[in-house]
Amino acid sequence: MKKGAKWWKIELKFHTFQPNTAKSRQNKASWMASGLENTAEGGKLMFSGEFKHTIDAKNRLFIPAKHREELGESFMVAKSIRENCLKVYSMAEWEDYISPILKMERKASEAILRALHRDAALVTPDSQGRIVIPVALVEYAHIQKTAVVVGCGKYAEIWSEEDYTAMVAEENIADIKALLESYGL
């Protein structure tokens, strides 16, 4: 091995990548562009399920193991723009999320990016699978004791138990069905 050479290895069900060479970087880029990153099964990111966990006095929240596997070593936690909850994105999904914003007119792009990143946090779970959520995000989501982590496909959400319960109680399956059918689904 050359001195200073960068080595990485990604192992999945059917894929193993080795040295950081031009060919391996091309293979890795092609593989990641296919949407297979961060998955043990070799499929696209898919967060699902509902998990309730207590947030401790240090604002540490346990993230379910199946979500940590999808999210990777570090990931983003940010305010939801539409609801009083937090959105959790893998780094690849965060980059996809902000990509269209970067193509906007500069003044609008800067304002939106500032608002999105102001309280966003890059987090890394500790050895027990907990992340530290900044105070501003805990307050925004009204989390006091129990949080609900819910999978939403390409991202997850973190809600206060009270707000989540109220939101679910207000869901109207007939409205959701009508909306899906209006899109041919």
Protein backbone atom coordinates (compact mmCIF):
# COMPACT_ATOMS: atom_id res chain seq x y z
CA MET A 1 0.00 0.00 0.00
CA LYS A 2 1.33 3.44 -0.93
CA LYS A 3 2.05 5.84 1.88
CA GLY A 4 -0.86 8.28 2.26
CA ALA A 5 -3.20 6.22 0.11
CA LYS A 6 -6.81 6.41 1.18
CA TRP A 7 -8.57 3.08 1.61
CA TRP A 8 -12.22 2.43 2.18
CA LYS A 9 -14.34 -0.67 2.11
CA ILE A 10 -18.08 -0.98 1.79
CA GLU A 11 -19.61 -4.39 2.16
CA LEU A 12 -23.17 -5.21 1.28
CA LYS A 13 -25.04 -8.30 0.32
CA PHE A 14 -23.64 -8.33 -3.22
CA HIS A 15 -21.11 -5.49 -3.33
CA THR A 16 -17.61 -5.06 -1.92
CA PHE A 17 -15.49 -2.07 -2.92
CA GLN A 18 -11.82 -1.89 -2.08
CA PRO A 19 -8.96 0.52 -2.78
CA ASN A 20 -9.52 4.17 -3.48
CA THR A 21 -8.43 4.07 -7.13
CA ALA A 22 -9.89 5.92 -10.10
CA LYS A 23 -11.75 2.77 -11.24
CA SER A 24 -13.10 1.98 -7.75
CA ARG A 25 -14.23 5.61 -7.29
CA GLN A 26 -16.08 5.38 -10.62
CA ASN A 27 -17.73 2.10 -9.55
CA LYS A 28 -18.66 3.55 -6.16
CA ALA A 29 -20.12 6.71 -7.76
CA SER A 30 -22.17 4.60 -10.18
CA TRP A 31 -23.39 2.37 -7.37
CA MET A 32 -24.32 5.31 -5.13
CA ALA A 33 -26.11 7.10 -7.98
CA SER A 34 -28.34 4.05 -8.27
CA GLY A 35 -29.71 4.80 -4.79
CA LEU A 36 -28.14 1.81 -3.07
CA GLU A 37 -26.12 3.69 -0.47
CA ASN A 38 -26.49 3.01 3.25
CA THR A 39 -28.61 -0.10 2.92
CA ALA A 40 -27.90 -3.57 4.20
CA GLU A 41 -30.32 -5.10 1.69
CA GLY A 42 -28.95 -3.29 -1.35
CA GLY A 43 -32.20 -1.35 -1.92
CA LYS A 44 -33.15 2.31 -1.62
CA LEU A 45 -33.41 4.00 1.75
CA MET A 46 -36.70 3.15 3.38
CA PHE A 47 -37.59 4.33 6.85
CA SER A 48 -40.71 2.81 8.34
CA GLY A 49 -42.22 2.08 11.71
CA GLU A 50 -43.13 4.06 14.80
CA PHE A 51 -40.92 4.04 17.91
CA LYS A 52 -41.43 5.79 21.25
CA HIS A 53 -38.40 6.70 23.34
CA THR A 54 -37.74 8.91 26.34
CA ILE A 55 -35.51 11.93 25.90
CA ASP A 56 -33.18 12.32 28.87
CA ALA A 57 -32.09 15.45 30.78
CA LYS A 58 -29.14 15.90 28.38
CA ASN A 59 -31.49 15.84 25.34
CA ARG A 60 -30.25 12.42 24.27
CA LEU A 61 -32.68 10.35 22.23
CA PHE A 62 -32.29 6.73 21.20
CA ILE A 63 -32.54 6.20 17.45
CA PRO A 64 -33.80 2.73 16.45
CA ALA A 65 -31.08 0.41 15.16
CA LYS A 66 -32.87 -0.19 11.85
CA HIS A 67 -32.90 3.59 11.24
CA ARG A 68 -29.25 4.03 12.27
CA GLU A 69 -28.28 1.39 9.70
CA GLU A 70 -30.02 3.40 6.98
CA LEU A 71 -28.82 6.81 8.17
CA GLY A 72 -25.12 6.00 8.31
CA GLU A 73 -22.46 7.11 10.79
CA SER A 74 -23.60 10.76 10.92
CA PHE A 75 -26.82 12.36 9.74
CA MET A 76 -28.83 15.58 9.77
CA VAL A 77 -31.64 16.57 12.12
CA ALA A 78 -33.53 19.73 11.12
CA LYS A 79 -36.79 21.54 11.76
CA SER A 80 -39.72 20.58 9.58
CA ILE A 81 -40.91 23.59 7.60
CA ARG A 82 -44.55 22.45 7.61
CA GLU A 83 -45.07 20.95 11.09
CA ASN A 84 -43.68 21.19 14.61
CA CYS A 85 -41.54 18.10 14.30
CA LEU A 86 -37.96 17.32 13.31
CA LYS A 87 -36.84 15.70 10.06
CA VAL A 88 -33.99 13.19 10.06
CA TYR A 89 -32.03 12.72 6.83
CA SER A 90 -29.05 10.60 5.79
CA MET A 91 -26.32 12.84 4.40
CA ALA A 92 -27.14 11.71 0.85
CA GLU A 93 -30.84 12.52 1.29
CA TRP A 94 -30.01 15.90 2.88
CA GLU A 95 -27.89 16.78 -0.14
CA ASP A 96 -30.75 15.70 -2.44
CA TYR A 97 -33.18 17.79 -0.38
CA ILE A 98 -31.14 21.00 -0.62
CA SER A 99 -29.94 20.45 -4.20
CA PRO A 100 -32.90 22.24 -5.87
CA ILE A 101 -32.50 25.14 -3.44
CA LEU A 102 -28.90 25.63 -4.58
CA LYS A 103 -30.20 26.16 -8.13
CA MET A 104 -32.55 29.00 -7.15
CA GLU A 105 -31.88 32.69 -7.52
CA ARG A 106 -29.06 33.55 -5.09
CA LYS A 107 -31.00 35.80 -2.69
CA ALA A 108 -33.82 33.26 -2.27
CA SER A 109 -31.37 30.37 -2.01
CA GLU A 110 -29.36 32.09 0.72
CA ALA A 111 -32.48 32.94 2.75
CA ILE A 112 -33.82 29.39 2.56
CA LEU A 113 -30.48 27.77 3.32
CA ARG A 114 -29.98 30.08 6.29
CA ALA A 115 -33.41 29.16 7.66
CA LEU A 116 -32.83 25.43 7.11
CA HIS A 117 -29.34 25.31 8.57
CA ARG A 118 -29.79 27.77 11.44
CA ASP A 119 -30.82 25.12 13.92
CA ALA A 120 -30.02 21.97 11.94
CA ALA A 121 -27.60 19.57 13.58
CA LEU A 122 -25.15 17.07 12.17
CA VAL A 123 -25.37 14.26 14.71
CA THR A 124 -23.48 11.03 15.37
CA PRO A 125 -25.00 8.38 17.63
CA ASP A 126 -23.03 7.39 20.71
CA SER A 127 -22.16 3.77 21.52
CA GLN A 128 -25.68 3.27 22.92
CA GLY A 129 -27.40 4.58 19.75
CA ARG A 130 -28.38 7.96 21.23
CA ILE A 131 -28.06 11.35 19.58
CA VAL A 132 -27.93 14.71 21.33
CA ILE A 133 -30.66 17.01 20.02
CA PRO A 134 -29.89 20.73 20.43
CA VAL A 135 -32.18 22.66 22.80
CA ALA A 136 -33.60 24.81 19.99
CA LEU A 137 -34.79 21.69 18.13
CA VAL A 138 -36.22 20.07 21.27
CA GLU A 139 -38.17 23.25 22.01
CA TYR A 140 -39.35 23.62 18.40
CA ALA A 141 -40.78 20.09 18.41
CA HIS A 142 -42.30 20.53 21.91
CA ILE A 143 -40.50 17.41 23.15
CA GLN A 144 -40.70 17.20 26.92
CA LYS A 145 -40.38 13.59 27.98
CA THR A 146 -41.30 11.11 25.25
CA ALA A 147 -40.51 11.42 21.56
CA VAL A 148 -41.91 9.39 18.69
CA VAL A 149 -39.54 8.47 15.85
CA VAL A 150 -41.57 7.62 12.76
CA GLY A 151 -40.30 6.42 9.39
CA CYS A 152 -41.48 8.36 6.34
CA GLY A 153 -39.80 6.62 3.43
CA LYS A 154 -36.66 8.59 2.52
CA TYR A 155 -36.49 10.33 5.90
CA ALA A 156 -37.70 9.93 9.47
CA GLU A 157 -39.50 12.37 11.76
CA ILE A 158 -39.16 13.04 15.47
CA TRP A 159 -42.32 14.26 17.22
CA SER A 160 -43.33 15.01 20.77
CA GLU A 161 -45.63 12.20 21.88
CA GLU A 162 -48.47 14.67 22.49
CA ASP A 163 -48.23 16.40 19.10
CA TYR A 164 -47.88 13.08 17.28
CA THR A 165 -50.93 11.60 19.02
CA ALA A 166 -52.99 14.71 18.13
CA MET A 167 -51.81 14.65 14.50
CA VAL A 168 -52.66 10.94 14.10
CA ALA A 169 -56.10 11.52 15.68
CA GLU A 170 -56.81 14.21 13.07
CA GLU A 171 -55.76 12.06 10.09
CA ASN A 172 -58.61 11.34 7.76
CA ILE A 173 -57.99 8.15 5.82
CA ALA A 174 -60.79 9.02 3.37
CA ASP A 175 -58.99 12.29 2.48
CA ILE A 176 -55.67 10.45 2.09
CA LYS A 177 -57.34 7.84 -0.13
CA ALA A 178 -58.92 10.56 -2.30
CA LEU A 179 -55.60 12.35 -2.66
CA LEU A 180 -53.82 9.14 -3.65
CA GLU A 181 -56.52 8.31 -6.17
CA SER A 182 -56.29 11.82 -7.66
CA TYR A 183 -52.65 10.94 -8.49
CA GLY A 184 -53.62 7.57 -9.90
CA LEU A 185 -52.24 5.63 -6.96
